[in-house]
Full PDB file with SEQRES, HELIX, SHEET, SSBOND, CRYST1, ORIGX, SCALE, CONECT and MASTER records, all heavy atoms in Angstrom:
SEQRES   1 A   41  LEU VAL ARG ALA MET THR ALA SER GLY LEU VAL GLU ARG          
SEQRES   2 A   41  LYS PRO SER SER THR ASP LEU ARG THR VAL SER LEU ALA          
SEQRES   3 A   41  ALA SER PRO HIS ALA LEU ASP LEU LEU SER ARG TYR ASP          
SEQRES   4 A   41  ARG VAL                                                      
HELIX    1 AA1 VAL A    2  ALA A    7  1                                   6    
HELIX    2 AA2 PRO A   29  ARG A   40  1                                  12    
SHEET    1 AA1 2 VAL A  11  PRO A  15  0                                        
SHEET    2 AA1 2 VAL A  23  ALA A  27 -1                                        
CRYST1    1.000    1.000    1.000  90.00  90.00  90.00 P 1           1          
ORIGX1      1.000000  0.000000  0.000000        0.00000                         
ORIGX2      0.000000  1.000000  0.000000        0.00000                         
ORIGX3      0.000000  0.000000  1.000000        0.00000                         
SCALE1      1.000000  0.000000  0.000000        0.00000                         
SCALE2      0.000000  1.000000  0.000000        0.00000                         
SCALE3      0.000000  0.000000  1.000000        0.00000                         
ATOM      1  N   LEU A   1       4.281  16.480   3.275  1.00  0.00           N  
ATOM      2  CA  LEU A   1       4.373  15.148   4.074  1.00  0.00           C  
ATOM      3  C   LEU A   1       4.887  13.981   3.226  1.00  0.00           C  
ATOM      4  O   LEU A   1       5.797  13.224   3.758  1.00  0.00           O  
ATOM      5  CB  LEU A   1       2.978  14.753   4.584  1.00  0.00           C  
ATOM      6  CG  LEU A   1       2.413  15.580   5.744  1.00  0.00           C  
ATOM      7  CD1 LEU A   1       0.880  15.225   5.864  1.00  0.00           C  
ATOM      8  CD2 LEU A   1       3.177  15.262   6.985  1.00  0.00           C  
ATOM      9  N   VAL A   2       4.458  13.805   2.105  1.00  0.00           N  
ATOM     10  CA  VAL A   2       5.012  12.691   1.254  1.00  0.00           C  
ATOM     11  C   VAL A   2       6.378  12.818   0.895  1.00  0.00           C  
ATOM     12  O   VAL A   2       7.235  11.799   0.766  1.00  0.00           O  
ATOM     13  CB  VAL A   2       4.115  12.604  -0.127  1.00  0.00           C  
ATOM     14  CG1 VAL A   2       4.602  11.657  -1.092  1.00  0.00           C  
ATOM     15  CG2 VAL A   2       2.768  12.161   0.366  1.00  0.00           C  
ATOM     16  N   ARG A   3       6.786  13.993   0.605  1.00  0.00           N  
ATOM     17  CA  ARG A   3       8.298  14.371   0.298  1.00  0.00           C  
ATOM     18  C   ARG A   3       9.180  13.816   1.488  1.00  0.00           C  
ATOM     19  O   ARG A   3      10.053  13.003   1.336  1.00  0.00           O  
ATOM     20  CB  ARG A   3       8.531  15.754   0.015  1.00  0.00           C  
ATOM     21  CG  ARG A   3       9.939  16.072  -0.506  1.00  0.00           C  
ATOM     22  CD  ARG A   3      10.079  17.527  -0.945  1.00  0.00           C  
ATOM     23  NE  ARG A   3       9.084  17.980  -1.718  1.00  0.00           N  
ATOM     24  CZ  ARG A   3       8.276  18.887  -1.351  1.00  0.00           C  
ATOM     25  NH1 ARG A   3       8.154  19.399  -0.204  1.00  0.00           N  
ATOM     26  NH2 ARG A   3       7.244  19.375  -2.234  1.00  0.00           N  
ATOM     27  N   ALA A   4       8.763  14.121   2.643  1.00  0.00           N  
ATOM     28  CA  ALA A   4       9.461  13.740   3.842  1.00  0.00           C  
ATOM     29  C   ALA A   4       9.467  12.243   4.126  1.00  0.00           C  
ATOM     30  O   ALA A   4      10.414  11.614   4.385  1.00  0.00           O  
ATOM     31  CB  ALA A   4       9.113  14.544   5.111  1.00  0.00           C  
ATOM     32  N   MET A   5       8.282  11.773   4.037  1.00  0.00           N  
ATOM     33  CA  MET A   5       8.024  10.372   4.212  1.00  0.00           C  
ATOM     34  C   MET A   5       8.586   9.390   3.205  1.00  0.00           C  
ATOM     35  O   MET A   5       8.943   8.312   3.489  1.00  0.00           O  
ATOM     36  CB  MET A   5       6.465  10.177   4.427  1.00  0.00           C  
ATOM     37  CG  MET A   5       5.964  10.880   5.660  1.00  0.00           C  
ATOM     38  SD  MET A   5       4.105  10.804   5.904  1.00  0.00           S  
ATOM     39  CE  MET A   5       4.022   9.109   6.395  1.00  0.00           C  
ATOM     40  N   THR A   6       8.673   9.837   1.993  1.00  0.00           N  
ATOM     41  CA  THR A   6       9.444   9.074   0.956  1.00  0.00           C  
ATOM     42  C   THR A   6      10.795   9.046   1.227  1.00  0.00           C  
ATOM     43  O   THR A   6      11.407   7.909   1.057  1.00  0.00           O  
ATOM     44  CB  THR A   6       9.001   9.601  -0.424  1.00  0.00           C  
ATOM     45  OG1 THR A   6       7.695   9.661  -0.700  1.00  0.00           O  
ATOM     46  CG2 THR A   6       9.738   8.828  -1.528  1.00  0.00           C  
ATOM     47  N   ALA A   7      11.374  10.135   1.621  1.00  0.00           N  
ATOM     48  CA  ALA A   7      12.808  10.232   1.954  1.00  0.00           C  
ATOM     49  C   ALA A   7      13.125   9.301   3.199  1.00  0.00           C  
ATOM     50  O   ALA A   7      14.258   8.691   3.126  1.00  0.00           O  
ATOM     51  CB  ALA A   7      13.216  11.643   2.255  1.00  0.00           C  
ATOM     52  N   SER A   8      12.199   9.108   4.051  1.00  0.00           N  
ATOM     53  CA  SER A   8      12.529   8.291   5.174  1.00  0.00           C  
ATOM     54  C   SER A   8      11.971   6.829   5.016  1.00  0.00           C  
ATOM     55  O   SER A   8      11.989   6.055   6.058  1.00  0.00           O  
ATOM     56  CB  SER A   8      11.909   8.860   6.527  1.00  0.00           C  
ATOM     57  OG  SER A   8      10.514   8.997   6.385  1.00  0.00           O  
ATOM     58  N   GLY A   9      11.517   6.457   3.802  1.00  0.00           N  
ATOM     59  CA  GLY A   9      11.118   5.183   3.506  1.00  0.00           C  
ATOM     60  C   GLY A   9       9.806   4.737   4.096  1.00  0.00           C  
ATOM     61  O   GLY A   9       9.429   3.556   4.198  1.00  0.00           O  
ATOM     62  N   LEU A  10       8.939   5.630   4.329  1.00  0.00           N  
ATOM     63  CA  LEU A  10       7.632   5.419   4.958  1.00  0.00           C  
ATOM     64  C   LEU A  10       6.493   5.314   3.906  1.00  0.00           C  
ATOM     65  O   LEU A  10       5.450   4.692   4.130  1.00  0.00           O  
ATOM     66  CB  LEU A  10       7.215   6.427   6.048  1.00  0.00           C  
ATOM     67  CG  LEU A  10       8.169   6.479   7.270  1.00  0.00           C  
ATOM     68  CD1 LEU A  10       7.748   7.610   8.148  1.00  0.00           C  
ATOM     69  CD2 LEU A  10       8.110   5.052   7.987  1.00  0.00           C  
ATOM     70  N   VAL A  11       6.695   6.174   2.880  1.00  0.00           N  
ATOM     71  CA  VAL A  11       5.673   6.019   1.812  1.00  0.00           C  
ATOM     72  C   VAL A  11       6.355   5.751   0.425  1.00  0.00           C  
ATOM     73  O   VAL A  11       7.545   6.252   0.141  1.00  0.00           O  
ATOM     74  CB  VAL A  11       4.987   7.527   1.727  1.00  0.00           C  
ATOM     75  CG1 VAL A  11       4.117   7.703   0.543  1.00  0.00           C  
ATOM     76  CG2 VAL A  11       4.186   7.731   2.913  1.00  0.00           C  
ATOM     77  N   GLU A  12       5.622   4.984  -0.325  1.00  0.00           N  
ATOM     78  CA  GLU A  12       6.182   4.617  -1.687  1.00  0.00           C  
ATOM     79  C   GLU A  12       5.215   5.342  -2.767  1.00  0.00           C  
ATOM     80  O   GLU A  12       3.976   5.337  -2.574  1.00  0.00           O  
ATOM     81  CB  GLU A  12       6.112   3.138  -1.893  1.00  0.00           C  
ATOM     82  CG  GLU A  12       6.927   2.432  -0.896  1.00  0.00           C  
ATOM     83  CD  GLU A  12       6.842   0.955  -0.971  1.00  0.00           C  
ATOM     84  OE1 GLU A  12       5.834   0.399  -1.575  1.00  0.00           O  
ATOM     85  OE2 GLU A  12       7.652   0.190  -0.318  1.00  0.00           O  
ATOM     86  N   ARG A  13       5.843   5.780  -3.746  1.00  0.00           N  
ATOM     87  CA  ARG A  13       5.082   6.416  -4.939  1.00  0.00           C  
ATOM     88  C   ARG A  13       5.109   5.348  -6.031  1.00  0.00           C  
ATOM     89  O   ARG A  13       6.061   4.808  -6.388  1.00  0.00           O  
ATOM     90  CB  ARG A  13       5.811   7.580  -5.411  1.00  0.00           C  
ATOM     91  CG  ARG A  13       5.929   8.865  -4.547  1.00  0.00           C  
ATOM     92  CD  ARG A  13       6.847   9.824  -5.210  1.00  0.00           C  
ATOM     93  NE  ARG A  13       7.087  10.974  -4.280  1.00  0.00           N  
ATOM     94  CZ  ARG A  13       6.476  12.133  -4.304  1.00  0.00           C  
ATOM     95  NH1 ARG A  13       5.502  12.383  -5.183  1.00  0.00           N  
ATOM     96  NH2 ARG A  13       6.774  13.078  -3.494  1.00  0.00           N  
ATOM     97  N   LYS A  14       3.851   5.104  -6.536  1.00  0.00           N  
ATOM     98  CA  LYS A  14       3.667   4.041  -7.544  1.00  0.00           C  
ATOM     99  C   LYS A  14       3.029   4.729  -8.793  1.00  0.00           C  
ATOM    100  O   LYS A  14       2.058   5.238  -8.667  1.00  0.00           O  
ATOM    101  CB  LYS A  14       2.720   2.971  -6.982  1.00  0.00           C  
ATOM    102  CG  LYS A  14       3.265   2.244  -5.769  1.00  0.00           C  
ATOM    103  CD  LYS A  14       2.340   1.116  -5.276  1.00  0.00           C  
ATOM    104  CE  LYS A  14       3.011   0.507  -4.042  1.00  0.00           C  
ATOM    105  NZ  LYS A  14       2.996  -1.024  -4.124  1.00  0.00           N  
ATOM    106  N   PRO A  15       3.857   4.655  -9.719  1.00  0.00           N  
ATOM    107  CA  PRO A  15       3.325   5.231 -11.088  1.00  0.00           C  
ATOM    108  C   PRO A  15       2.107   4.643 -11.620  1.00  0.00           C  
ATOM    109  O   PRO A  15       2.040   3.412 -11.493  1.00  0.00           O  
ATOM    110  CB  PRO A  15       4.539   5.156 -12.161  1.00  0.00           C  
ATOM    111  CG  PRO A  15       5.459   4.244 -11.506  1.00  0.00           C  
ATOM    112  CD  PRO A  15       5.216   4.135 -10.007  1.00  0.00           C  
ATOM    113  N   SER A  16       1.245   5.357 -12.214  1.00  0.00           N  
ATOM    114  CA  SER A  16      -0.040   4.845 -12.825  1.00  0.00           C  
ATOM    115  C   SER A  16       0.454   4.092 -14.070  1.00  0.00           C  
ATOM    116  O   SER A  16       1.303   4.327 -14.757  1.00  0.00           O  
ATOM    117  CB  SER A  16      -0.991   5.975 -13.216  1.00  0.00           C  
ATOM    118  OG  SER A  16      -2.002   5.484 -13.993  1.00  0.00           O  
ATOM    119  N   SER A  17      -0.275   2.945 -14.230  1.00  0.00           N  
ATOM    120  CA  SER A  17       0.022   2.052 -15.523  1.00  0.00           C  
ATOM    121  C   SER A  17      -0.652   2.651 -16.707  1.00  0.00           C  
ATOM    122  O   SER A  17      -0.310   2.327 -17.799  1.00  0.00           O  
ATOM    123  CB  SER A  17      -0.558   0.660 -15.291  1.00  0.00           C  
ATOM    124  OG  SER A  17      -1.898   0.653 -14.969  1.00  0.00           O  
ATOM    125  N   THR A  18      -1.651   3.656 -16.541  1.00  0.00           N  
ATOM    126  CA  THR A  18      -2.339   4.252 -17.642  1.00  0.00           C  
ATOM    127  C   THR A  18      -1.981   5.685 -17.901  1.00  0.00           C  
ATOM    128  O   THR A  18      -2.175   6.158 -19.073  1.00  0.00           O  
ATOM    129  CB  THR A  18      -3.774   4.252 -17.435  1.00  0.00           C  
ATOM    130  OG1 THR A  18      -4.231   4.888 -16.128  1.00  0.00           O  
ATOM    131  CG2 THR A  18      -4.388   2.690 -17.281  1.00  0.00           C  
ATOM    132  N   ASP A  19      -1.401   6.351 -16.906  1.00  0.00           N  
ATOM    133  CA  ASP A  19      -1.069   7.809 -17.106  1.00  0.00           C  
ATOM    134  C   ASP A  19       0.332   8.080 -16.353  1.00  0.00           C  
ATOM    135  O   ASP A  19       0.300   8.154 -15.101  1.00  0.00           O  
ATOM    136  CB  ASP A  19      -2.245   8.684 -16.482  1.00  0.00           C  
ATOM    137  CG  ASP A  19      -1.920  10.181 -16.710  1.00  0.00           C  
ATOM    138  OD1 ASP A  19      -0.829  10.614 -17.179  1.00  0.00           O  
ATOM    139  OD2 ASP A  19      -2.857  10.982 -16.350  1.00  0.00           O  
ATOM    140  N   LEU A  20       1.287   8.129 -17.125  1.00  0.00           N  
ATOM    141  CA  LEU A  20       2.551   8.423 -16.484  1.00  0.00           C  
ATOM    142  C   LEU A  20       2.827   9.589 -15.696  1.00  0.00           C  
ATOM    143  O   LEU A  20       3.800   9.849 -14.950  1.00  0.00           O  
ATOM    144  CB  LEU A  20       3.703   8.234 -17.605  1.00  0.00           C  
ATOM    145  CG  LEU A  20       3.801   6.947 -18.282  1.00  0.00           C  
ATOM    146  CD1 LEU A  20       4.843   6.860 -19.319  1.00  0.00           C  
ATOM    147  CD2 LEU A  20       3.999   5.748 -17.390  1.00  0.00           C  
ATOM    148  N   ARG A  21       1.877  10.598 -15.790  1.00  0.00           N  
ATOM    149  CA  ARG A  21       1.969  11.849 -15.090  1.00  0.00           C  
ATOM    150  C   ARG A  21       1.384  11.706 -13.697  1.00  0.00           C  
ATOM    151  O   ARG A  21       1.541  12.550 -12.857  1.00  0.00           O  
ATOM    152  CB  ARG A  21       1.211  12.959 -15.840  1.00  0.00           C  
ATOM    153  CG  ARG A  21       1.748  13.303 -17.144  1.00  0.00           C  
ATOM    154  CD  ARG A  21       0.855  14.195 -17.985  1.00  0.00           C  
ATOM    155  NE  ARG A  21      -0.411  13.559 -18.209  1.00  0.00           N  
ATOM    156  CZ  ARG A  21      -1.573  14.045 -18.628  1.00  0.00           C  
ATOM    157  NH1 ARG A  21      -1.633  15.293 -18.787  1.00  0.00           N  
ATOM    158  NH2 ARG A  21      -2.572  13.325 -18.883  1.00  0.00           N  
ATOM    159  N   THR A  22       0.685  10.582 -13.368  1.00  0.00           N  
ATOM    160  CA  THR A  22       0.122  10.458 -12.052  1.00  0.00           C  
ATOM    161  C   THR A  22       0.725   9.354 -11.236  1.00  0.00           C  
ATOM    162  O   THR A  22       1.308   8.405 -11.895  1.00  0.00           O  
ATOM    163  CB  THR A  22      -1.409  10.213 -12.111  1.00  0.00           C  
ATOM    164  OG1 THR A  22      -1.622   9.001 -12.851  1.00  0.00           O  
ATOM    165  CG2 THR A  22      -2.225  11.323 -12.972  1.00  0.00           C  
ATOM    166  N   VAL A  23       0.674   9.531 -10.019  1.00  0.00           N  
ATOM    167  CA  VAL A  23       1.148   8.470  -9.089  1.00  0.00           C  
ATOM    168  C   VAL A  23       0.112   8.193  -8.011  1.00  0.00           C  
ATOM    169  O   VAL A  23      -0.692   8.905  -7.751  1.00  0.00           O  
ATOM    170  CB  VAL A  23       2.421   8.891  -8.326  1.00  0.00           C  
ATOM    171  CG1 VAL A  23       3.517   9.117  -9.309  1.00  0.00           C  
ATOM    172  CG2 VAL A  23       2.228  10.147  -7.402  1.00  0.00           C  
ATOM    173  N   SER A  24       0.238   7.023  -7.449  1.00  0.00           N  
ATOM    174  CA  SER A  24      -0.521   6.603  -6.275  1.00  0.00           C  
ATOM    175  C   SER A  24       0.441   6.532  -5.152  1.00  0.00           C  
ATOM    176  O   SER A  24       1.673   6.162  -5.287  1.00  0.00           O  
ATOM    177  CB  SER A  24      -1.213   5.241  -6.515  1.00  0.00           C  
ATOM    178  OG  SER A  24      -2.200   5.460  -7.428  1.00  0.00           O  
ATOM    179  N   LEU A  25      -0.092   6.672  -3.899  1.00  0.00           N  
ATOM    180  CA  LEU A  25       0.795   6.514  -2.710  1.00  0.00           C  
ATOM    181  C   LEU A  25       0.415   5.314  -1.893  1.00  0.00           C  
ATOM    182  O   LEU A  25      -0.802   4.938  -1.964  1.00  0.00           O  
ATOM    183  CB  LEU A  25       0.472   7.778  -1.903  1.00  0.00           C  
ATOM    184  CG  LEU A  25       0.752   9.228  -2.487  1.00  0.00           C  
ATOM    185  CD1 LEU A  25       0.429  10.310  -1.572  1.00  0.00           C  
ATOM    186  CD2 LEU A  25       2.197   9.247  -2.902  1.00  0.00           C  
ATOM    187  N   ALA A  26       1.369   4.653  -1.414  1.00  0.00           N  
ATOM    188  CA  ALA A  26       1.186   3.556  -0.473  1.00  0.00           C  
ATOM    189  C   ALA A  26       2.116   3.580   0.578  1.00  0.00           C  
ATOM    190  O   ALA A  26       3.188   4.088   0.534  1.00  0.00           O  
ATOM    191  CB  ALA A  26       1.416   2.251  -1.305  1.00  0.00           C  
ATOM    192  N   ALA A  27       1.638   3.103   1.766  1.00  0.00           N  
ATOM    193  CA  ALA A  27       2.576   2.941   2.996  1.00  0.00           C  
ATOM    194  C   ALA A  27       3.519   1.837   2.732  1.00  0.00           C  
ATOM    195  O   ALA A  27       3.123   0.743   2.225  1.00  0.00           O  
ATOM    196  CB  ALA A  27       1.654   2.635   4.263  1.00  0.00           C  
ATOM    197  N   SER A  28       4.768   2.044   2.945  1.00  0.00           N  
ATOM    198  CA  SER A  28       5.814   0.959   2.791  1.00  0.00           C  
ATOM    199  C   SER A  28       5.592  -0.052   3.883  1.00  0.00           C  
ATOM    200  O   SER A  28       4.979   0.041   4.895  1.00  0.00           O  
ATOM    201  CB  SER A  28       7.263   1.569   3.047  1.00  0.00           C  
ATOM    202  OG  SER A  28       7.417   1.908   4.377  1.00  0.00           O  
ATOM    203  N   PRO A  29       6.090  -1.212   3.550  1.00  0.00           N  
ATOM    204  CA  PRO A  29       5.947  -2.360   4.494  1.00  0.00           C  
ATOM    205  C   PRO A  29       6.645  -1.985   5.920  1.00  0.00           C  
ATOM    206  O   PRO A  29       6.030  -2.343   6.899  1.00  0.00           O  
ATOM    207  CB  PRO A  29       6.804  -3.566   3.892  1.00  0.00           C  
ATOM    208  CG  PRO A  29       6.573  -3.349   2.432  1.00  0.00           C  
ATOM    209  CD  PRO A  29       6.716  -1.855   2.174  1.00  0.00           C  
ATOM    210  N   HIS A  30       7.590  -1.259   5.936  1.00  0.00           N  
ATOM    211  CA  HIS A  30       8.191  -0.739   7.160  1.00  0.00           C  
ATOM    212  C   HIS A  30       7.267   0.102   7.883  1.00  0.00           C  
ATOM    213  O   HIS A  30       7.011   0.095   9.156  1.00  0.00           O  
ATOM    214  CB  HIS A  30       9.572  -0.046   6.848  1.00  0.00           C  
ATOM    215  CG  HIS A  30      10.167   0.702   7.999  1.00  0.00           C  
ATOM    216  ND1 HIS A  30      10.697   0.117   9.150  1.00  0.00           N  
ATOM    217  CD2 HIS A  30      10.233   2.042   8.240  1.00  0.00           C  
ATOM    218  CE1 HIS A  30      11.012   0.996   9.940  1.00  0.00           C  
ATOM    219  NE2 HIS A  30      10.891   2.204   9.465  1.00  0.00           N  
ATOM    220  N   ALA A  31       6.565   1.072   7.196  1.00  0.00           N  
ATOM    221  CA  ALA A  31       5.609   1.918   7.803  1.00  0.00           C  
ATOM    222  C   ALA A  31       4.432   1.169   8.356  1.00  0.00           C  
ATOM    223  O   ALA A  31       3.873   1.495   9.477  1.00  0.00           O  
ATOM    224  CB  ALA A  31       5.156   3.056   6.780  1.00  0.00           C  
ATOM    225  N   LEU A  32       3.980   0.248   7.682  1.00  0.00           N  
ATOM    226  CA  LEU A  32       2.821  -0.586   8.065  1.00  0.00           C  
ATOM    227  C   LEU A  32       3.216  -1.321   9.411  1.00  0.00           C  
ATOM    228  O   LEU A  32       2.381  -1.509  10.257  1.00  0.00           O  
ATOM    229  CB  LEU A  32       2.291  -1.545   7.061  1.00  0.00           C  
ATOM    230  CG  LEU A  32       1.724  -0.967   5.752  1.00  0.00           C  
ATOM    231  CD1 LEU A  32       1.437  -1.982   4.703  1.00  0.00           C  
ATOM    232  CD2 LEU A  32       0.409  -0.189   6.178  1.00  0.00           C  
ATOM    233  N   ASP A  33       4.505  -1.814   9.420  1.00  0.00           N  
ATOM    234  CA  ASP A  33       4.969  -2.548  10.651  1.00  0.00           C  
ATOM    235  C   ASP A  33       5.000  -1.488  11.826  1.00  0.00           C  
ATOM    236  O   ASP A  33       4.554  -1.856  12.914  1.00  0.00           O  
ATOM    237  CB  ASP A  33       6.389  -3.104  10.430  1.00  0.00           C  
ATOM    238  CG  ASP A  33       7.027  -3.687  11.681  1.00  0.00           C  
ATOM    239  OD1 ASP A  33       6.351  -4.617  12.256  1.00  0.00           O  
ATOM    240  OD2 ASP A  33       7.950  -3.243  12.107  1.00  0.00           O  
ATOM    241  N   LEU A  34       5.464  -0.258  11.599  1.00  0.00           N  
ATOM    242  CA  LEU A  34       5.561   0.736  12.676  1.00  0.00           C  
ATOM    243  C   LEU A  34       4.218   1.098  13.110  1.00  0.00           C  
ATOM    244  O   LEU A  34       3.901   1.137  14.377  1.00  0.00           O  
ATOM    245  CB  LEU A  34       6.208   1.972  12.168  1.00  0.00           C  
ATOM    246  CG  LEU A  34       7.756   1.975  11.922  1.00  0.00           C  
ATOM    247  CD1 LEU A  34       8.202   3.296  11.263  1.00  0.00           C  
ATOM    248  CD2 LEU A  34       8.469   1.753  13.202  1.00  0.00           C  
ATOM    249  N   LEU A  35       3.250   1.220  12.250  1.00  0.00           N  
ATOM    250  CA  LEU A  35       1.905   1.526  12.607  1.00  0.00           C  
ATOM    251  C   LEU A  35       1.217   0.401  13.363  1.00  0.00           C  
ATOM    252  O   LEU A  35       0.591   0.630  14.360  1.00  0.00           O  
ATOM    253  CB  LEU A  35       0.953   1.948  11.424  1.00  0.00           C  
ATOM    254  CG  LEU A  35      -0.299   2.525  11.562  1.00  0.00           C  
ATOM    255  CD1 LEU A  35      -0.266   3.806  12.301  1.00  0.00           C  
ATOM    256  CD2 LEU A  35      -0.986   2.742  10.227  1.00  0.00           C  
ATOM    257  N   SER A  36       1.516  -0.851  12.982  1.00  0.00           N  
ATOM    258  CA  SER A  36       0.988  -2.032  13.680  1.00  0.00           C  
ATOM    259  C   SER A  36       1.508  -1.991  15.125  1.00  0.00           C  
ATOM    260  O   SER A  36       0.810  -2.294  16.129  1.00  0.00           O  
ATOM    261  CB  SER A  36       1.296  -3.267  12.969  1.00  0.00           C  
ATOM    262  OG  SER A  36       0.844  -4.377  13.707  1.00  0.00           O  
ATOM    263  N   ARG A  37       2.779  -1.814  15.272  1.00  0.00           N  
ATOM    264  CA  ARG A  37       3.482  -1.815  16.500  1.00  0.00           C  
ATOM    265  C   ARG A  37       2.940  -0.738  17.454  1.00  0.00           C  
ATOM    266  O   ARG A  37       2.674  -0.884  18.610  1.00  0.00           O  
ATOM    267  CB  ARG A  37       5.009  -1.697  16.403  1.00  0.00           C  
ATOM    268  CG  ARG A  37       5.591  -2.917  15.866  1.00  0.00           C  
ATOM    269  CD  ARG A  37       7.115  -2.858  15.460  1.00  0.00           C  
ATOM    270  NE  ARG A  37       7.938  -2.180  16.515  1.00  0.00           N  
ATOM    271  CZ  ARG A  37       9.028  -1.499  16.134  1.00  0.00           C  
ATOM    272  NH1 ARG A  37       9.386  -1.337  14.991  1.00  0.00           N  
ATOM    273  NH2 ARG A  37       9.719  -0.921  17.172  1.00  0.00           N  
ATOM    274  N   TYR A  38       2.859   0.521  16.770  1.00  0.00           N  
ATOM    275  CA  TYR A  38       2.321   1.604  17.630  1.00  0.00           C  
ATOM    276  C   TYR A  38       0.977   1.370  18.049  1.00  0.00           C  
ATOM    277  O   TYR A  38       0.629   1.590  19.318  1.00  0.00           O  
ATOM    278  CB  TYR A  38       2.284   2.866  16.627  1.00  0.00           C  
ATOM    279  CG  TYR A  38       1.504   4.062  17.367  1.00  0.00           C  
ATOM    280  CD1 TYR A  38       2.222   4.928  18.193  1.00  0.00           C  
ATOM    281  CD2 TYR A  38       0.095   4.248  17.021  1.00  0.00           C  
ATOM    282  CE1 TYR A  38       1.490   5.851  18.825  1.00  0.00           C  
ATOM    283  CE2 TYR A  38      -0.555   5.292  17.792  1.00  0.00           C  
ATOM    284  CZ  TYR A  38       0.232   6.073  18.609  1.00  0.00           C  
ATOM    285  OH  TYR A  38      -0.594   7.055  19.191  1.00  0.00           O  
ATOM    286  N   ASP A  39      -0.029   0.766  17.201  1.00  0.00           N  
ATOM    287  CA  ASP A  39      -1.360   0.582  17.598  1.00  0.00           C  
ATOM    288  C   ASP A  39      -1.433  -0.469  18.792  1.00  0.00           C  
ATOM    289  O   ASP A  39      -2.157  -0.411  19.735  1.00  0.00           O  
ATOM    290  CB  ASP A  39      -2.248   0.104  16.447  1.00  0.00           C  
ATOM    291  CG  ASP A  39      -2.505   1.195  15.576  1.00  0.00           C  
ATOM    292  OD1 ASP A  39      -2.453   2.349  15.947  1.00  0.00           O  
ATOM    293  OD2 ASP A  39      -2.912   0.795  14.356  1.00  0.00           O  
ATOM    294  N   ARG A  40      -0.553  -1.594  18.617  1.00  0.00           N  
ATOM    295  CA  ARG A  40      -0.565  -2.534  19.677  1.00  0.00           C  
ATOM    296  C   ARG A  40      -0.043  -2.081  20.957  1.00  0.00           C  
ATOM    297  O   ARG A  40      -0.713  -2.298  22.028  1.00  0.00           O  
ATOM    298  CB  ARG A  40       0.264  -3.725  19.112  1.00  0.00           C  
ATOM    299  CG  ARG A  40       0.441  -4.866  20.191  1.00  0.00           C  
ATOM    300  CD  ARG A  40       1.322  -6.004  19.689  1.00  0.00           C  
ATOM    301  NE  ARG A  40       2.626  -5.465  19.189  1.00  0.00           N  
ATOM    302  CZ  ARG A  40       3.606  -5.266  19.754  1.00  0.00           C  
ATOM    303  NH1 ARG A  40       3.667  -5.150  21.061  1.00  0.00           N  
ATOM    304  NH2 ARG A  40       4.777  -4.781  19.212  1.00  0.00           N  
ATOM    305  N   VAL A  41       1.017  -1.350  20.968  1.00  0.00           N  
ATOM    306  CA  VAL A  41       1.567  -0.844  22.271  1.00  0.00           C  
ATOM    307  C   VAL A  41       0.705   0.268  22.916  1.00  0.00           C  
ATOM    308  O   VAL A  41       0.541   0.187  24.121  1.00  0.00           O  
ATOM    309  CB  VAL A  41       3.093  -0.423  21.966  1.00  0.00           C  
ATOM    310  CG1 VAL A  41       3.525   0.226  23.278  1.00  0.00           C  
ATOM    311  CG2 VAL A  41       3.871  -1.602  21.585  1.00  0.00           C  
TER     312      VAL A  41                                                      
MASTER        0    0    0    2    2    0    0    6  311    1    0    4          
END                                                                             
């Protein structure tokens, strides 16, 4: 899912500041806007 969603700009991978082997995932601002619009409508 993350692979596809990163490619489409929906999820961002954020490297860990303490361990370069790990990442955290976050919804992109674009994805948060889409989700907000989806919920409202």
